[in-house]
Amino acid sequence: MKSVIVVAMATLLFMSGNAMANSSSGSQGAKAASEAGPWIDCILPDGKVEYMPLMICKLQKNGKVK
């Protein structure tokens, strides 16, 4: 019985590791995204362009989408 539990736990751990690896890679050509929105080129008030999430650009940095 203990060996069945060990095999089941190992299988679950293996499957969850694969799911995490697949979710971060995305498909070819897909844009990166986060909880703060898609990553964009943000034009900051001082003229610099930085790559950051959309919400951070607009709300925290007072930037504009390039």
PDB file of N, CA and C in Angstrom:
ATOM      1  N   MET A   1       0.818  -1.195   0.000  1.00  0.00           N
ATOM      2  CA  MET A   1       0.000   0.000   0.000  1.00  0.00           C
ATOM      3  C   MET A   1       0.865   1.263   0.000  1.00  0.00           C
ATOM      4  N   LYS A   2       1.970   1.224   0.769  1.00  0.00           N
ATOM      5  CA  LYS A   2       2.848   2.386   0.819  1.00  0.00           C
ATOM      6  C   LYS A   2       3.467   2.657  -0.544  1.00  0.00           C
ATOM      7  N   SER A   3       3.794   1.614  -1.289  1.00  0.00           N
ATOM      8  CA  SER A   3       4.401   1.813  -2.604  1.00  0.00           C
ATOM      9  C   SER A   3       3.414   2.449  -3.581  1.00  0.00           C
ATOM     10  N   VAL A   4       2.142   2.130  -3.451  1.00  0.00           N
ATOM     11  CA  VAL A   4       1.116   2.730  -4.309  1.00  0.00           C
ATOM     12  C   VAL A   4       1.017   4.229  -4.018  1.00  0.00           C
ATOM     13  N   ILE A   5       1.052   4.596  -2.753  1.00  0.00           N
ATOM     14  CA  ILE A   5       0.981   6.010  -2.377  1.00  0.00           C
ATOM     15  C   ILE A   5       2.217   6.752  -2.876  1.00  0.00           C
ATOM     16  N   VAL A   6       3.381   6.133  -2.751  1.00  0.00           N
ATOM     17  CA  VAL A   6       4.615   6.764  -3.222  1.00  0.00           C
ATOM     18  C   VAL A   6       4.566   6.979  -4.728  1.00  0.00           C
ATOM     19  N   VAL A   7       4.104   5.986  -5.479  1.00  0.00           N
ATOM     20  CA  VAL A   7       4.012   6.108  -6.936  1.00  0.00           C
ATOM     21  C   VAL A   7       2.995   7.192  -7.314  1.00  0.00           C
ATOM     22  N   ALA A   8       1.862   7.241  -6.601  1.00  0.00           N
ATOM     23  CA  ALA A   8       0.850   8.255  -6.897  1.00  0.00           C
ATOM     24  C   ALA A   8       1.385   9.659  -6.619  1.00  0.00           C
ATOM     25  N   MET A   9       2.068   9.836  -5.510  1.00  0.00           N
ATOM     26  CA  MET A   9       2.630  11.150  -5.186  1.00  0.00           C
ATOM     27  C   MET A   9       3.700  11.557  -6.202  1.00  0.00           C
ATOM     28  N   ALA A  10       4.549  10.620  -6.600  1.00  0.00           N
ATOM     29  CA  ALA A  10       5.585  10.923  -7.587  1.00  0.00           C
ATOM     30  C   ALA A  10       4.954  11.323  -8.915  1.00  0.00           C
ATOM     31  N   THR A  11       3.884  10.648  -9.293  1.00  0.00           N
ATOM     32  CA  THR A  11       3.188  10.976 -10.542  1.00  0.00           C
ATOM     33  C   THR A  11       2.590  12.374 -10.476  1.00  0.00           C
ATOM     34  N   LEU A  12       1.940  12.707  -9.368  1.00  0.00           N
ATOM     35  CA  LEU A  12       1.357  14.045  -9.221  1.00  0.00           C
ATOM     36  C   LEU A  12       2.421  15.129  -9.258  1.00  0.00           C
ATOM     37  N   LEU A  13       3.536  14.903  -8.577  1.00  0.00           N
ATOM     38  CA  LEU A  13       4.621  15.887  -8.594  1.00  0.00           C
ATOM     39  C   LEU A  13       5.186  16.060  -9.992  1.00  0.00           C
ATOM     40  N   PHE A  14       5.343  14.964 -10.710  1.00  0.00           N
ATOM     41  CA  PHE A  14       5.864  15.030 -12.074  1.00  0.00           C
ATOM     42  C   PHE A  14       4.909  15.792 -12.984  1.00  0.00           C
ATOM     43  N   MET A  15       3.612  15.517 -12.856  1.00  0.00           N
ATOM     44  CA  MET A  15       2.617  16.180 -13.701  1.00  0.00           C
ATOM     45  C   MET A  15       2.533  17.673 -13.397  1.00  0.00           C
ATOM     46  N   SER A  16       2.609  18.051 -12.136  1.00  0.00           N
ATOM     47  CA  SER A  16       2.521  19.476 -11.801  1.00  0.00           C
ATOM     48  C   SER A  16       3.760  20.224 -12.296  1.00  0.00           C
ATOM     49  N   GLY A  17       4.914  19.591 -12.267  1.00  0.00           N
ATOM     50  CA  GLY A  17       6.130  20.216 -12.789  1.00  0.00           C
ATOM     51  C   GLY A  17       6.037  20.465 -14.278  1.00  0.00           C
ATOM     52  N   ASN A  18       5.469  19.521 -15.010  1.00  0.00           N
ATOM     53  CA  ASN A  18       5.295  19.690 -16.456  1.00  0.00           C
ATOM     54  C   ASN A  18       4.296  20.796 -16.758  1.00  0.00           C
ATOM     55  N   ALA A  19       3.234  20.893 -15.992  1.00  0.00           N
ATOM     56  CA  ALA A  19       2.226  21.932 -16.221  1.00  0.00           C
ATOM     57  C   ALA A  19       2.829  23.315 -16.003  1.00  0.00           C
ATOM     58  N   MET A  20       3.654  23.464 -14.977  1.00  0.00           N
ATOM     59  CA  MET A  20       4.279  24.759 -14.722  1.00  0.00           C
ATOM     60  C   MET A  20       5.258  25.114 -15.829  1.00  0.00           C
ATOM     61  N   ALA A  21       6.000  24.148 -16.337  1.00  0.00           N
ATOM     62  CA  ALA A  21       6.952  24.417 -17.406  1.00  0.00           C
ATOM     63  C   ALA A  21       6.235  24.815 -18.680  1.00  0.00           C
ATOM     64  N   ASN A  22       5.122  24.172 -18.979  1.00  0.00           N
ATOM     65  CA  ASN A  22       4.383  24.476 -20.204  1.00  0.00           C
ATOM     66  C   ASN A  22       3.672  25.811 -20.122  1.00  0.00           C
ATOM     67  N   SER A  23       3.209  26.207 -18.944  1.00  0.00           N
ATOM     68  CA  SER A  23       2.464  27.452 -18.833  1.00  0.00           C
ATOM     69  C   SER A  23       3.360  28.670 -19.008  1.00  0.00           C
ATOM     70  N   SER A  24       4.627  28.581 -18.644  1.00  0.00           N
ATOM     71  CA  SER A  24       5.495  29.744 -18.758  1.00  0.00           C
ATOM     72  C   SER A  24       6.083  29.900 -20.153  1.00  0.00           C
ATOM     73  N   SER A  25       6.163  28.811 -20.920  1.00  0.00           N
ATOM     74  CA  SER A  25       6.781  28.909 -22.234  1.00  0.00           C
ATOM     75  C   SER A  25       5.835  29.504 -23.261  1.00  0.00           C
ATOM     76  N   GLY A  26       4.535  29.239 -23.141  1.00  0.00           N
ATOM     77  CA  GLY A  26       3.567  29.777 -24.086  1.00  0.00           C
ATOM     78  C   GLY A  26       3.780  29.234 -25.479  1.00  0.00           C
ATOM     79  N   SER A  27       3.075  29.804 -26.448  1.00  0.00           N
ATOM     80  CA  SER A  27       3.242  29.370 -27.829  1.00  0.00           C
ATOM     81  C   SER A  27       4.166  30.348 -28.549  1.00  0.00           C
ATOM     82  N   GLN A  28       4.636  29.941 -29.687  1.00  0.00           N
ATOM     83  CA  GLN A  28       5.544  30.812 -30.442  1.00  0.00           C
ATOM     84  C   GLN A  28       4.836  32.090 -30.823  1.00  0.00           C
ATOM     85  N   GLY A  29       5.512  33.199 -30.614  1.00  0.00           N
ATOM     86  CA  GLY A  29       4.956  34.487 -30.991  1.00  0.00           C
ATOM     87  C   GLY A  29       4.020  35.086 -29.957  1.00  0.00           C
ATOM     88  N   ALA A  30       3.748  34.371 -28.884  1.00  0.00           N
ATOM     89  CA  ALA A  30       2.846  34.887 -27.859  1.00  0.00           C
ATOM     90  C   ALA A  30       3.558  35.959 -27.042  1.00  0.00           C
ATOM     91  N   LYS A  31       2.830  37.010 -26.688  1.00  0.00           N
ATOM     92  CA  LYS A  31       3.409  38.068 -25.863  1.00  0.00           C
ATOM     93  C   LYS A  31       3.385  37.636 -24.406  1.00  0.00           C
ATOM     94  N   ALA A  32       4.352  38.095 -23.652  1.00  0.00           N
ATOM     95  CA  ALA A  32       4.414  37.782 -22.234  1.00  0.00           C
ATOM     96  C   ALA A  32       3.275  38.481 -21.514  1.00  0.00           C
ATOM     97  N   ALA A  33       2.761  37.845 -20.481  1.00  0.00           N
ATOM     98  CA  ALA A  33       1.682  38.439 -19.703  1.00  0.00           C
ATOM     99  C   ALA A  33       1.927  38.173 -18.232  1.00  0.00           C
ATOM    100  N   SER A  34       1.350  39.005 -17.406  1.00  0.00           N
ATOM    101  CA  SER A  34       1.458  38.838 -15.962  1.00  0.00           C
ATOM    102  C   SER A  34       0.132  39.248 -15.344  1.00  0.00           C
ATOM    103  N   GLU A  35       0.067  39.215 -14.024  1.00  0.00           N
ATOM    104  CA  GLU A  35      -1.154  39.644 -13.343  1.00  0.00           C
ATOM    105  C   GLU A  35      -1.417  41.131 -13.545  1.00  0.00           C
ATOM    106  N   ALA A  36      -0.382  41.872 -13.879  1.00  0.00           N
ATOM    107  CA  ALA A  36      -0.522  43.312 -14.107  1.00  0.00           C
ATOM    108  C   ALA A  36      -0.737  43.631 -15.580  1.00  0.00           C
ATOM    109  N   GLY A  37      -1.111  42.637 -16.365  1.00  0.00           N
ATOM    110  CA  GLY A  37      -1.399  42.847 -17.773  1.00  0.00           C
ATOM    111  C   GLY A  37      -0.265  42.415 -18.676  1.00  0.00           C
ATOM    112  N   PRO A  38      -0.459  42.567 -19.980  1.00  0.00           N
ATOM    113  CA  PRO A  38       0.586  42.186 -20.933  1.00  0.00           C
ATOM    114  C   PRO A  38       1.794  43.106 -20.822  1.00  0.00           C
ATOM    115  N   TRP A  39       2.959  42.569 -21.135  1.00  0.00           N
ATOM    116  CA  TRP A  39       4.189  43.377 -21.110  1.00  0.00           C
ATOM    117  C   TRP A  39       4.255  44.204 -22.384  1.00  0.00           C
ATOM    118  N   ILE A  40       4.541  45.475 -22.239  1.00  0.00           N
ATOM    119  CA  ILE A  40       4.564  46.414 -23.369  1.00  0.00           C
ATOM    120  C   ILE A  40       5.792  47.310 -23.263  1.00  0.00           C
ATOM    121  N   ASP A  41       6.106  47.994 -24.363  1.00  0.00           N
ATOM    122  CA  ASP A  41       7.116  49.053 -24.321  1.00  0.00           C
ATOM    123  C   ASP A  41       6.412  50.304 -23.811  1.00  0.00           C
ATOM    124  N   CYS A  42       6.888  50.828 -22.699  1.00  0.00           N
ATOM    125  CA  CYS A  42       6.263  51.969 -22.041  1.00  0.00           C
ATOM    126  C   CYS A  42       7.146  53.205 -22.213  1.00  0.00           C
ATOM    127  N   ILE A  43       6.549  54.285 -22.687  1.00  0.00           N
ATOM    128  CA  ILE A  43       7.279  55.549 -22.803  1.00  0.00           C
ATOM    129  C   ILE A  43       7.059  56.324 -21.510  1.00  0.00           C
ATOM    130  N   LEU A  44       8.124  56.512 -20.745  1.00  0.00           N
ATOM    131  CA  LEU A  44       8.045  57.206 -19.465  1.00  0.00           C
ATOM    132  C   LEU A  44       8.069  58.722 -19.677  1.00  0.00           C
ATOM    133  N   PRO A  45       7.621  59.493 -18.682  1.00  0.00           N
ATOM    134  CA  PRO A  45       7.587  60.954 -18.821  1.00  0.00           C
ATOM    135  C   PRO A  45       8.941  61.575 -19.165  1.00  0.00           C
ATOM    136  N   ASP A  46      10.047  60.943 -18.757  1.00  0.00           N
ATOM    137  CA  ASP A  46      11.368  61.493 -19.070  1.00  0.00           C
ATOM    138  C   ASP A  46      11.878  61.076 -20.448  1.00  0.00           C
ATOM    139  N   GLY A  47      11.058  60.333 -21.213  1.00  0.00           N
ATOM    140  CA  GLY A  47      11.426  59.945 -22.569  1.00  0.00           C
ATOM    141  C   GLY A  47      12.021  58.556 -22.699  1.00  0.00           C
ATOM    142  N   LYS A  48      12.366  57.921 -21.600  1.00  0.00           N
ATOM    143  CA  LYS A  48      12.915  56.566 -21.653  1.00  0.00           C
ATOM    144  C   LYS A  48      11.833  55.581 -22.054  1.00  0.00           C
ATOM    145  N   VAL A  49      12.243  54.491 -22.682  1.00  0.00           N
ATOM    146  CA  VAL A  49      11.329  53.413 -23.040  1.00  0.00           C
ATOM    147  C   VAL A  49      11.751  52.185 -22.255  1.00  0.00           C
ATOM    148  N   GLU A  50      10.818  51.626 -21.488  1.00  0.00           N
ATOM    149  CA  GLU A  50      11.089  50.425 -20.701  1.00  0.00           C
ATOM    150  C   GLU A  50      10.035  49.379 -21.004  1.00  0.00           C
ATOM    151  N   TYR A  51      10.429  48.117 -20.876  1.00  0.00           N
ATOM    152  CA  TYR A  51       9.545  46.979 -21.099  1.00  0.00           C
ATOM    153  C   TYR A  51       8.969  46.566 -19.750  1.00  0.00           C
ATOM    154  N   MET A  52       7.642  46.710 -19.571  1.00  0.00           N
ATOM    155  CA  MET A  52       7.012  46.423 -18.281  1.00  0.00           C
ATOM    156  C   MET A  52       5.543  46.103 -18.493  1.00  0.00           C
ATOM    157  N   PRO A  53       4.879  45.579 -17.453  1.00  0.00           N
ATOM    158  CA  PRO A  53       3.438  45.312 -17.559  1.00  0.00           C
ATOM    159  C   PRO A  53       2.647  46.599 -17.767  1.00  0.00           C
ATOM    160  N   LEU A  54       1.554  46.494 -18.483  1.00  0.00           N
ATOM    161  CA  LEU A  54       0.720  47.637 -18.856  1.00  0.00           C
ATOM    162  C   LEU A  54       0.250  48.436 -17.646  1.00  0.00           C
ATOM    163  N   MET A  55      -0.276  47.772 -16.616  1.00  0.00           N
ATOM    164  CA  MET A  55      -0.797  48.493 -15.446  1.00  0.00           C
ATOM    165  C   MET A  55       0.292  49.250 -14.707  1.00  0.00           C
ATOM    166  N   ILE A  56       1.480  48.676 -14.632  1.00  0.00           N
ATOM    167  CA  ILE A  56       2.590  49.372 -13.952  1.00  0.00           C
ATOM    168  C   ILE A  56       2.952  50.619 -14.754  1.00  0.00           C
ATOM    169  N   CYS A  57       2.978  50.494 -16.064  1.00  0.00           N
ATOM    170  CA  CYS A  57       3.311  51.625 -16.931  1.00  0.00           C
ATOM    171  C   CYS A  57       2.338  52.782 -16.710  1.00  0.00           C
ATOM    172  N   LYS A  58       1.045  52.464 -16.767  1.00  0.00           N
ATOM    173  CA  LYS A  58       0.041  53.517 -16.696  1.00  0.00           C
ATOM    174  C   LYS A  58      -0.164  54.070 -15.293  1.00  0.00           C
ATOM    175  N   LEU A  59      -0.229  53.186 -14.293  1.00  0.00           N
ATOM    176  CA  LEU A  59      -0.606  53.642 -12.958  1.00  0.00           C
ATOM    177  C   LEU A  59       0.572  54.091 -12.104  1.00  0.00           C
ATOM    178  N   GLN A  60       1.660  53.337 -12.099  1.00  0.00           N
ATOM    179  CA  GLN A  60       2.768  53.668 -11.209  1.00  0.00           C
ATOM    180  C   GLN A  60       3.788  54.593 -11.855  1.00  0.00           C
ATOM    181  N   LYS A  61       4.035  54.417 -13.125  1.00  0.00           N
ATOM    182  CA  LYS A  61       5.084  55.181 -13.797  1.00  0.00           C
ATOM    183  C   LYS A  61       4.545  56.363 -14.580  1.00  0.00           C
ATOM    184  N   ASN A  62       3.211  56.490 -14.707  1.00  0.00           N
ATOM    185  CA  ASN A  62       2.572  57.559 -15.466  1.00  0.00           C
ATOM    186  C   ASN A  62       3.086  57.614 -16.908  1.00  0.00           C
ATOM    187  N   GLY A  63       3.234  56.420 -17.492  1.00  0.00           N
ATOM    188  CA  GLY A  63       3.743  56.337 -18.849  1.00  0.00           C
ATOM    189  C   GLY A  63       2.644  56.144 -19.881  1.00  0.00           C
ATOM    190  N   LYS A  64       3.087  56.064 -21.132  1.00  0.00           N
ATOM    191  CA  LYS A  64       2.173  55.850 -22.252  1.00  0.00           C
ATOM    192  C   LYS A  64       2.619  54.623 -23.020  1.00  0.00           C
ATOM    193  N   VAL A  65       1.682  53.949 -23.644  1.00  0.00           N
ATOM    194  CA  VAL A  65       1.983  52.759 -24.439  1.00  0.00           C
ATOM    195  C   VAL A  65       2.625  53.178 -25.745  1.00  0.00           C
ATOM    196  N   LYS A  66       3.720  52.511 -26.082  1.00  0.00           N
ATOM    197  CA  LYS A  66       4.421  52.841 -27.328  1.00  0.00           C
ATOM    198  C   LYS A  66       3.700  52.226 -28.491  1.00  0.00           C
TER     199      LYS A  66
END
